[in-house]
Amino acid sequence: MLFGEVPFLDRFQAAAGAGFTAVEYLFPYDYEAKDLKARLRDHGLTQVLHNLPAGDWAAGERGIACFPDRVDEFKAGVDRAIEYATVLECPRVNCLAGILPSSVSSADALETFTRNVGYAGARLKAAGIQLLIEPINTRDIPGFFLTGTPQAAGVIEAAGSDNVFIQFDIYHMTIMQEDVAAAIPRYLPRIAHMQLADVPGRHEPGTGEIDYDRLLPLIDRAGYTGWIGCEYKPRADTIGGLGWAAKYLGR
């Protein structure tokens, strides 16, 4: 989501030039894996995350993992994600639950999602890749099925997999009125990745109501050692909005 000032393939160079050592992005599937790998290699970057295929994104779909009638498509997407993640040496992929179809009950969606998560967790474990599931706020994506950290933890427990983890997005969970400062230490054993943006505009830290000067040290003290992705929309240009991150990027 950063460096939108330049075409996608040029963002790797831009990120490295700004001091980032790792990147994440939504989907790799419009590009050849070998070409993406070359960008990572050429600019000394590690890729830490991408998503499973999530249906027809351009048409507004935001995942299909809770769709009972698209399980075969979901399983094919798991295979495709493994192919890309293996080439890119990407250690984790995220599964988007999707928007609950009007024709599907919550109970049926939960059963399908849980079963799909268990399947994907096992397939990815065999490939040495972690599976993440991400609660998302219903203001930005009305009707999204997975909306809270306790719900995600319940799905993981029901799926019975030791290879499924939570992607904790501070922006999404703040909008859903979770106490993120309490939730992060509580669920830390199951949190394998975090993302940030400020509320309400989804811009860089310092542009909204979240006190990141307090929250980021709290995350360190809690013992989190994973990555935190900058999944925000810069209020103006990307570089101009990176002042908050200077001490983390060594700039």
C-alpha atoms as a PDB file:
ATOM      1  CA  MET A   1       0.000   0.000   0.000  1.00  0.00           C
ATOM      2  CA  LEU A   2       3.016   2.303   0.344  1.00  0.00           C
ATOM      3  CA  PHE A   3       4.903   3.782  -2.611  1.00  0.00           C
ATOM      4  CA  GLY A   4       1.789   4.055  -4.760  1.00  0.00           C
ATOM      5  CA  GLU A   5       3.575   6.882  -6.543  1.00  0.00           C
ATOM      6  CA  VAL A   6       5.412   4.307  -8.663  1.00  0.00           C
ATOM      7  CA  PRO A   7       4.363   1.125 -10.517  1.00  0.00           C
ATOM      8  CA  PHE A   8       4.159  -2.023  -8.414  1.00  0.00           C
ATOM      9  CA  LEU A   9       7.403  -3.633  -9.556  1.00  0.00           C
ATOM     10  CA  ASP A  10       9.292  -0.395  -8.833  1.00  0.00           C
ATOM     11  CA  ARG A  11       8.068  -0.305  -5.235  1.00  0.00           C
ATOM     12  CA  PHE A  12      10.661  -2.874  -4.167  1.00  0.00           C
ATOM     13  CA  GLN A  13      13.483  -0.484  -5.023  1.00  0.00           C
ATOM     14  CA  ALA A  14      11.612   2.412  -3.432  1.00  0.00           C
ATOM     15  CA  ALA A  15      11.071   0.475  -0.204  1.00  0.00           C
ATOM     16  CA  ALA A  16      14.719  -0.541   0.024  1.00  0.00           C
ATOM     17  CA  GLY A  17      15.804   3.022  -0.663  1.00  0.00           C
ATOM     18  CA  ALA A  18      13.644   4.244   2.216  1.00  0.00           C
ATOM     19  CA  GLY A  19      15.328   1.842   4.637  1.00  0.00           C
ATOM     20  CA  PHE A  20      12.911  -1.085   4.683  1.00  0.00           C
ATOM     21  CA  THR A  21      14.469  -4.529   4.801  1.00  0.00           C
ATOM     22  CA  ALA A  22      11.247  -6.503   4.301  1.00  0.00           C
ATOM     23  CA  VAL A  23       8.034  -6.153   2.330  1.00  0.00           C
ATOM     24  CA  GLU A  24       4.519  -7.524   2.184  1.00  0.00           C
ATOM     25  CA  TYR A  25       1.727  -7.016  -0.317  1.00  0.00           C
ATOM     26  CA  LEU A  26      -1.713  -8.360  -1.047  1.00  0.00           C
ATOM     27  CA  PHE A  27      -1.213 -10.703  -3.998  1.00  0.00           C
ATOM     28  CA  PRO A  28       1.686 -11.874  -6.177  1.00  0.00           C
ATOM     29  CA  TYR A  29      -0.387 -13.736  -8.741  1.00  0.00           C
ATOM     30  CA  ASP A  30      -0.413 -11.147 -11.544  1.00  0.00           C
ATOM     31  CA  TYR A  31       3.356 -11.550 -11.888  1.00  0.00           C
ATOM     32  CA  GLU A  32       5.778 -14.384 -12.475  1.00  0.00           C
ATOM     33  CA  ALA A  33       7.203 -15.616  -9.194  1.00  0.00           C
ATOM     34  CA  LYS A  34      10.730 -15.564 -10.617  1.00  0.00           C
ATOM     35  CA  ASP A  35      10.378 -11.881 -11.524  1.00  0.00           C
ATOM     36  CA  LEU A  36       9.238 -10.986  -8.013  1.00  0.00           C
ATOM     37  CA  LYS A  37      12.057 -13.043  -6.559  1.00  0.00           C
ATOM     38  CA  ALA A  38      14.532 -11.110  -8.685  1.00  0.00           C
ATOM     39  CA  ARG A  39      13.223  -7.806  -7.307  1.00  0.00           C
ATOM     40  CA  LEU A  40      13.604  -9.065  -3.755  1.00  0.00           C
ATOM     41  CA  ARG A  41      17.115 -10.335  -4.428  1.00  0.00           C
ATOM     42  CA  ASP A  42      18.277  -7.251  -6.314  1.00  0.00           C
ATOM     43  CA  HIS A  43      17.233  -4.930  -3.499  1.00  0.00           C
ATOM     44  CA  GLY A  44      18.182  -7.061  -0.514  1.00  0.00           C
ATOM     45  CA  LEU A  45      14.607  -7.533   0.678  1.00  0.00           C
ATOM     46  CA  THR A  46      12.824 -10.303   2.521  1.00  0.00           C
ATOM     47  CA  GLN A  47       9.197 -10.997   1.680  1.00  0.00           C
ATOM     48  CA  VAL A  48       7.285 -11.758   4.854  1.00  0.00           C
ATOM     49  CA  LEU A  49       3.660 -12.086   3.722  1.00  0.00           C
ATOM     50  CA  HIS A  50       1.161 -12.342   0.928  1.00  0.00           C
ATOM     51  CA  ASN A  51      -2.458 -13.505   0.795  1.00  0.00           C
ATOM     52  CA  LEU A  52      -4.074 -16.632  -0.523  1.00  0.00           C
ATOM     53  CA  PRO A  53      -6.081 -16.044  -3.709  1.00  0.00           C
ATOM     54  CA  ALA A  54      -9.223 -14.235  -2.579  1.00  0.00           C
ATOM     55  CA  GLY A  55     -11.748 -14.592  -5.383  1.00  0.00           C
ATOM     56  CA  ASP A  56     -12.567 -11.776  -7.799  1.00  0.00           C
ATOM     57  CA  TRP A  57     -10.972  -8.816  -6.020  1.00  0.00           C
ATOM     58  CA  ALA A  58     -11.901  -6.328  -8.752  1.00  0.00           C
ATOM     59  CA  ALA A  59     -15.542  -7.321  -8.405  1.00  0.00           C
ATOM     60  CA  GLY A  60     -15.469  -6.701  -4.666  1.00  0.00           C
ATOM     61  CA  GLU A  61     -14.808 -10.188  -3.324  1.00  0.00           C
ATOM     62  CA  ARG A  62     -12.593 -10.221  -0.253  1.00  0.00           C
ATOM     63  CA  GLY A  63     -11.894 -13.903   0.187  1.00  0.00           C
ATOM     64  CA  ILE A  64     -13.830 -17.124  -0.355  1.00  0.00           C
ATOM     65  CA  ALA A  65     -12.824 -19.235   2.641  1.00  0.00           C
ATOM     66  CA  CYS A  66     -16.315 -19.098   4.199  1.00  0.00           C
ATOM     67  CA  PHE A  67     -18.148 -19.986   0.949  1.00  0.00           C
ATOM     68  CA  PRO A  68     -19.539 -23.553   1.097  1.00  0.00           C
ATOM     69  CA  ASP A  69     -19.897 -23.767  -2.687  1.00  0.00           C
ATOM     70  CA  ARG A  70     -16.288 -22.766  -3.479  1.00  0.00           C
ATOM     71  CA  VAL A  71     -14.239 -25.180  -1.429  1.00  0.00           C
ATOM     72  CA  ASP A  72     -12.538 -26.682  -4.478  1.00  0.00           C
ATOM     73  CA  GLU A  73     -11.549 -23.198  -5.647  1.00  0.00           C
ATOM     74  CA  PHE A  74     -10.198 -22.457  -2.181  1.00  0.00           C
ATOM     75  CA  LYS A  75      -8.100 -25.634  -2.192  1.00  0.00           C
ATOM     76  CA  ALA A  76      -6.697 -24.800  -5.613  1.00  0.00           C
ATOM     77  CA  GLY A  77      -5.772 -21.383  -4.240  1.00  0.00           C
ATOM     78  CA  VAL A  78      -3.847 -23.004  -1.406  1.00  0.00           C
ATOM     79  CA  ASP A  79      -1.770 -24.910  -3.939  1.00  0.00           C
ATOM     80  CA  ARG A  80      -1.123 -21.751  -5.929  1.00  0.00           C
ATOM     81  CA  ALA A  81      -0.100 -19.827  -2.816  1.00  0.00           C
ATOM     82  CA  ILE A  82       2.339 -22.568  -1.865  1.00  0.00           C
ATOM     83  CA  GLU A  83       3.939 -22.416  -5.307  1.00  0.00           C
ATOM     84  CA  TYR A  84       4.523 -18.664  -5.019  1.00  0.00           C
ATOM     85  CA  ALA A  85       5.534 -18.633  -1.361  1.00  0.00           C
ATOM     86  CA  THR A  86       8.081 -21.386  -1.998  1.00  0.00           C
ATOM     87  CA  VAL A  87       9.779 -19.468  -4.798  1.00  0.00           C
ATOM     88  CA  LEU A  88       9.630 -16.194  -2.874  1.00  0.00           C
ATOM     89  CA  GLU A  89      10.808 -17.834   0.360  1.00  0.00           C
ATOM     90  CA  CYS A  90       7.808 -16.210   2.016  1.00  0.00           C
ATOM     91  CA  PRO A  91       7.276 -17.817   5.442  1.00  0.00           C
ATOM     92  CA  ARG A  92       3.575 -17.071   5.900  1.00  0.00           C
ATOM     93  CA  VAL A  93       0.405 -16.459   3.908  1.00  0.00           C
ATOM     94  CA  ASN A  94      -2.841 -14.880   5.023  1.00  0.00           C
ATOM     95  CA  CYS A  95      -6.317 -16.328   4.474  1.00  0.00           C
ATOM     96  CA  LEU A  96      -9.162 -13.845   4.028  1.00  0.00           C
ATOM     97  CA  ALA A  97     -12.452 -15.297   5.247  1.00  0.00           C
ATOM     98  CA  GLY A  98     -14.602 -13.304   2.854  1.00  0.00           C
ATOM     99  CA  ILE A  99     -17.907 -11.433   2.985  1.00  0.00           C
ATOM    100  CA  LEU A 100     -20.732 -13.625   4.260  1.00  0.00           C
ATOM    101  CA  PRO A 101     -22.985 -14.493   1.276  1.00  0.00           C
ATOM    102  CA  SER A 102     -26.632 -13.601   1.829  1.00  0.00           C
ATOM    103  CA  SER A 103     -27.636 -17.176   0.973  1.00  0.00           C
ATOM    104  CA  VAL A 104     -25.352 -18.742   3.605  1.00  0.00           C
ATOM    105  CA  SER A 105     -26.075 -18.974   7.327  1.00  0.00           C
ATOM    106  CA  SER A 106     -23.431 -17.901   9.832  1.00  0.00           C
ATOM    107  CA  ALA A 107     -23.283 -21.465  11.132  1.00  0.00           C
ATOM    108  CA  ASP A 108     -22.619 -22.926   7.683  1.00  0.00           C
ATOM    109  CA  ALA A 109     -20.044 -20.234   6.957  1.00  0.00           C
ATOM    110  CA  LEU A 110     -18.252 -20.954  10.231  1.00  0.00           C
ATOM    111  CA  GLU A 111     -18.196 -24.679   9.538  1.00  0.00           C
ATOM    112  CA  THR A 112     -16.806 -24.112   6.035  1.00  0.00           C
ATOM    113  CA  PHE A 113     -14.249 -21.557   7.165  1.00  0.00           C
ATOM    114  CA  THR A 114     -13.031 -23.749  10.021  1.00  0.00           C
ATOM    115  CA  ARG A 115     -12.714 -26.778   7.747  1.00  0.00           C
ATOM    116  CA  ASN A 116     -10.869 -24.769   5.093  1.00  0.00           C
ATOM    117  CA  VAL A 117      -8.522 -23.280   7.679  1.00  0.00           C
ATOM    118  CA  GLY A 118      -7.697 -26.756   8.988  1.00  0.00           C
ATOM    119  CA  TYR A 119      -7.037 -28.010   5.466  1.00  0.00           C
ATOM    120  CA  ALA A 120      -4.860 -25.045   4.522  1.00  0.00           C
ATOM    121  CA  GLY A 121      -2.985 -25.162   7.802  1.00  0.00           C
ATOM    122  CA  ALA A 122      -1.987 -28.769   7.204  1.00  0.00           C
ATOM    123  CA  ARG A 123      -1.046 -28.251   3.547  1.00  0.00           C
ATOM    124  CA  LEU A 124       1.037 -25.194   4.353  1.00  0.00           C
ATOM    125  CA  LYS A 125       2.725 -26.877   7.308  1.00  0.00           C
ATOM    126  CA  ALA A 126       3.971 -29.603   4.979  1.00  0.00           C
ATOM    127  CA  ALA A 127       5.525 -26.849   2.863  1.00  0.00           C
ATOM    128  CA  GLY A 128       7.068 -25.067   5.865  1.00  0.00           C
ATOM    129  CA  ILE A 129       4.731 -22.070   5.636  1.00  0.00           C
ATOM    130  CA  GLN A 130       2.538 -20.562   8.358  1.00  0.00           C
ATOM    131  CA  LEU A 131      -1.153 -19.865   7.752  1.00  0.00           C
ATOM    132  CA  LEU A 132      -2.643 -16.654   9.119  1.00  0.00           C
ATOM    133  CA  ILE A 133      -6.269 -15.574   9.463  1.00  0.00           C
ATOM    134  CA  GLU A 134      -7.139 -11.901   9.774  1.00  0.00           C
ATOM    135  CA  PRO A 135     -10.099 -10.239  11.484  1.00  0.00           C
ATOM    136  CA  ILE A 136     -11.181  -7.159   9.514  1.00  0.00           C
ATOM    137  CA  ASN A 137     -13.470  -4.291  10.456  1.00  0.00           C
ATOM    138  CA  THR A 138     -16.993  -4.096   9.058  1.00  0.00           C
ATOM    139  CA  ARG A 139     -16.834  -0.377   8.382  1.00  0.00           C
ATOM    140  CA  ASP A 140     -14.338  -0.806   5.558  1.00  0.00           C
ATOM    141  CA  ILE A 141     -15.683  -4.196   4.456  1.00  0.00           C
ATOM    142  CA  PRO A 142     -19.362  -4.507   5.432  1.00  0.00           C
ATOM    143  CA  GLY A 143     -20.413  -8.090   6.008  1.00  0.00           C
ATOM    144  CA  PHE A 144     -16.897  -9.468   6.442  1.00  0.00           C
ATOM    145  CA  PHE A 145     -17.169 -12.768   8.273  1.00  0.00           C
ATOM    146  CA  LEU A 146     -14.162 -12.683  10.618  1.00  0.00           C
ATOM    147  CA  THR A 147     -14.306  -9.526  12.699  1.00  0.00           C
ATOM    148  CA  GLY A 148     -12.578 -10.028  16.059  1.00  0.00           C
ATOM    149  CA  THR A 149      -9.585 -11.553  17.768  1.00  0.00           C
ATOM    150  CA  PRO A 150     -11.588 -13.832  20.089  1.00  0.00           C
ATOM    151  CA  GLN A 151     -13.499 -15.132  17.072  1.00  0.00           C
ATOM    152  CA  ALA A 152     -10.228 -15.846  15.243  1.00  0.00           C
ATOM    153  CA  ALA A 153      -8.825 -17.657  18.274  1.00  0.00           C
ATOM    154  CA  GLY A 154     -11.971 -19.780  18.392  1.00  0.00           C
ATOM    155  CA  VAL A 155     -11.622 -20.747  14.741  1.00  0.00           C
ATOM    156  CA  ILE A 156      -8.003 -21.742  15.301  1.00  0.00           C
ATOM    157  CA  GLU A 157      -8.951 -23.909  18.266  1.00  0.00           C
ATOM    158  CA  ALA A 158     -11.814 -25.537  16.366  1.00  0.00           C
ATOM    159  CA  ALA A 159      -9.599 -26.173  13.329  1.00  0.00           C
ATOM    160  CA  GLY A 160      -7.243 -28.165  15.550  1.00  0.00           C
ATOM    161  CA  SER A 161      -4.099 -27.058  13.747  1.00  0.00           C
ATOM    162  CA  ASP A 162      -0.822 -25.957  15.295  1.00  0.00           C
ATOM    163  CA  ASN A 163       0.024 -24.104  12.070  1.00  0.00           C
ATOM    164  CA  VAL A 164      -2.701 -21.439  12.090  1.00  0.00           C
ATOM    165  CA  PHE A 165      -2.055 -18.020  13.587  1.00  0.00           C
ATOM    166  CA  ILE A 166      -3.639 -14.593  13.866  1.00  0.00           C
ATOM    167  CA  GLN A 167      -2.713 -11.642  11.724  1.00  0.00           C
ATOM    168  CA  PHE A 168      -3.428  -8.800  14.120  1.00  0.00           C
ATOM    169  CA  ASP A 169      -4.186  -5.513  12.371  1.00  0.00           C
ATOM    170  CA  ILE A 170      -4.171  -2.688  14.918  1.00  0.00           C
ATOM    171  CA  TYR A 171      -6.246  -0.439  12.657  1.00  0.00           C
ATOM    172  CA  HIS A 172      -8.994  -2.985  12.054  1.00  0.00           C
ATOM    173  CA  MET A 173      -9.264  -4.038  15.684  1.00  0.00           C
ATOM    174  CA  THR A 174      -9.314  -0.440  16.939  1.00  0.00           C
ATOM    175  CA  ILE A 175     -12.270   0.284  14.681  1.00  0.00           C
ATOM    176  CA  MET A 176     -13.964  -2.855  16.026  1.00  0.00           C
ATOM    177  CA  GLN A 177     -13.450  -1.356  19.507  1.00  0.00           C
ATOM    178  CA  GLU A 178     -11.072  -3.968  20.823  1.00  0.00           C
ATOM    179  CA  ASP A 179      -8.673  -2.913  23.558  1.00  0.00           C
ATOM    180  CA  VAL A 180      -5.599  -3.624  21.464  1.00  0.00           C
ATOM    181  CA  ALA A 181      -3.181  -2.897  24.305  1.00  0.00           C
ATOM    182  CA  ALA A 182      -4.806  -5.719  26.266  1.00  0.00           C
ATOM    183  CA  ALA A 183      -5.527  -8.038  23.333  1.00  0.00           C
ATOM    184  CA  ILE A 184      -1.957  -8.196  22.034  1.00  0.00           C
ATOM    185  CA  PRO A 185      -0.383  -9.625  25.222  1.00  0.00           C
ATOM    186  CA  ARG A 186      -3.371 -11.920  25.752  1.00  0.00           C
ATOM    187  CA  TYR A 187      -3.290 -13.482  22.309  1.00  0.00           C
ATOM    188  CA  LEU A 188       0.441 -13.123  21.667  1.00  0.00           C
ATOM    189  CA  PRO A 189       1.118 -16.900  21.485  1.00  0.00           C
ATOM    190  CA  ARG A 190      -1.169 -17.011  18.437  1.00  0.00           C
ATOM    191  CA  ILE A 191      -0.153 -13.721  16.798  1.00  0.00           C
ATOM    192  CA  ALA A 192       2.379 -14.311  14.018  1.00  0.00           C
ATOM    193  CA  HIS A 193       2.130 -10.975  12.201  1.00  0.00           C
ATOM    194  CA  MET A 194       0.871  -7.454  12.856  1.00  0.00           C
ATOM    195  CA  GLN A 195      -0.088  -4.505  10.718  1.00  0.00           C
ATOM    196  CA  LEU A 196      -0.652  -0.864  11.539  1.00  0.00           C
ATOM    197  CA  ALA A 197      -2.389   2.287  10.388  1.00  0.00           C
ATOM    198  CA  ASP A 198      -3.919   5.180  12.258  1.00  0.00           C
ATOM    199  CA  VAL A 199      -7.629   5.674  12.889  1.00  0.00           C
ATOM    200  CA  PRO A 200      -9.860   6.924  11.371  1.00  0.00           C
ATOM    201  CA  GLY A 201      -8.211   7.728   8.037  1.00  0.00           C
ATOM    202  CA  ARG A 202      -5.985   4.653   7.670  1.00  0.00           C
ATOM    203  CA  HIS A 203      -2.993   6.938   7.228  1.00  0.00           C
ATOM    204  CA  GLU A 204       0.447   6.794   8.836  1.00  0.00           C
ATOM    205  CA  PRO A 205       0.906   6.819  12.621  1.00  0.00           C
ATOM    206  CA  GLY A 206       0.587  10.310  14.050  1.00  0.00           C
ATOM    207  CA  THR A 207      -2.329  11.315  11.836  1.00  0.00           C
ATOM    208  CA  GLY A 208      -5.112   9.976  14.027  1.00  0.00           C
ATOM    209  CA  GLU A 209      -6.156   8.847  17.468  1.00  0.00           C
ATOM    210  CA  ILE A 210      -3.906   5.835  18.169  1.00  0.00           C
ATOM    211  CA  ASP A 211      -0.964   6.598  20.462  1.00  0.00           C
ATOM    212  CA  TYR A 212       1.711   4.607  18.653  1.00  0.00           C
ATOM    213  CA  ASP A 213       4.469   6.184  20.771  1.00  0.00           C
ATOM    214  CA  ARG A 214       2.953   4.232  23.653  1.00  0.00           C
ATOM    215  CA  LEU A 215       1.662   1.184  21.783  1.00  0.00           C
ATOM    216  CA  LEU A 216       4.789   0.110  19.881  1.00  0.00           C
ATOM    217  CA  PRO A 217       6.982  -0.053  23.021  1.00  0.00           C
ATOM    218  CA  LEU A 218       4.169  -1.984  24.718  1.00  0.00           C
ATOM    219  CA  ILE A 219       4.277  -4.531  21.883  1.00  0.00           C
ATOM    220  CA  ASP A 220       8.029  -4.887  22.400  1.00  0.00           C
ATOM    221  CA  ARG A 221       7.596  -5.344  26.141  1.00  0.00           C
ATOM    222  CA  ALA A 222       4.958  -8.004  25.545  1.00  0.00           C
ATOM    223  CA  GLY A 223       7.641 -10.046  23.797  1.00  0.00           C
ATOM    224  CA  TYR A 224       6.510  -9.811  20.187  1.00  0.00           C
ATOM    225  CA  THR A 225       9.434 -10.448  17.844  1.00  0.00           C
ATOM    226  CA  GLY A 226       7.658 -10.627  14.483  1.00  0.00           C
ATOM    227  CA  TRP A 227       7.167  -8.083  11.735  1.00  0.00           C
ATOM    228  CA  ILE A 228       4.747  -5.158  11.765  1.00  0.00           C
ATOM    229  CA  GLY A 229       3.543  -4.265   8.293  1.00  0.00           C
ATOM    230  CA  CYS A 230       2.828  -0.661   7.320  1.00  0.00           C
ATOM    231  CA  GLU A 231      -0.560  -1.336   5.771  1.00  0.00           C
ATOM    232  CA  TYR A 232      -1.708   2.246   5.495  1.00  0.00           C
ATOM    233  CA  LYS A 233      -2.519   4.833   2.861  1.00  0.00           C
ATOM    234  CA  PRO A 234      -0.028   7.700   3.081  1.00  0.00           C
ATOM    235  CA  ARG A 235      -1.821  10.982   3.673  1.00  0.00           C
ATOM    236  CA  ALA A 236       0.365  12.612   1.012  1.00  0.00           C
ATOM    237  CA  ASP A 237       3.515  11.052  -0.469  1.00  0.00           C
ATOM    238  CA  THR A 238       5.036   7.964   1.088  1.00  0.00           C
ATOM    239  CA  ILE A 239       8.491   9.340   1.905  1.00  0.00           C
ATOM    240  CA  GLY A 240       7.080  12.526   3.409  1.00  0.00           C
ATOM    241  CA  GLY A 241       4.956  10.434   5.742  1.00  0.00           C
ATOM    242  CA  LEU A 242       7.756   8.204   7.051  1.00  0.00           C
ATOM    243  CA  GLY A 243       9.029  10.569   9.747  1.00  0.00           C
ATOM    244  CA  TRP A 244       7.305   8.484  12.424  1.00  0.00           C
ATOM    245  CA  ALA A 245       9.321   5.423  11.327  1.00  0.00           C
ATOM    246  CA  ALA A 246      12.771   7.020  11.101  1.00  0.00           C
ATOM    247  CA  LYS A 247      14.038   5.396  14.310  1.00  0.00           C
ATOM    248  CA  TYR A 248      12.882   1.974  13.076  1.00  0.00           C
ATOM    249  CA  LEU A 249      14.270   2.326   9.557  1.00  0.00           C
ATOM    250  CA  GLY A 250      17.576   3.814  10.655  1.00  0.00           C
ATOM    251  CA  ARG A 251      16.991   6.879   8.489  1.00  0.00           C
END
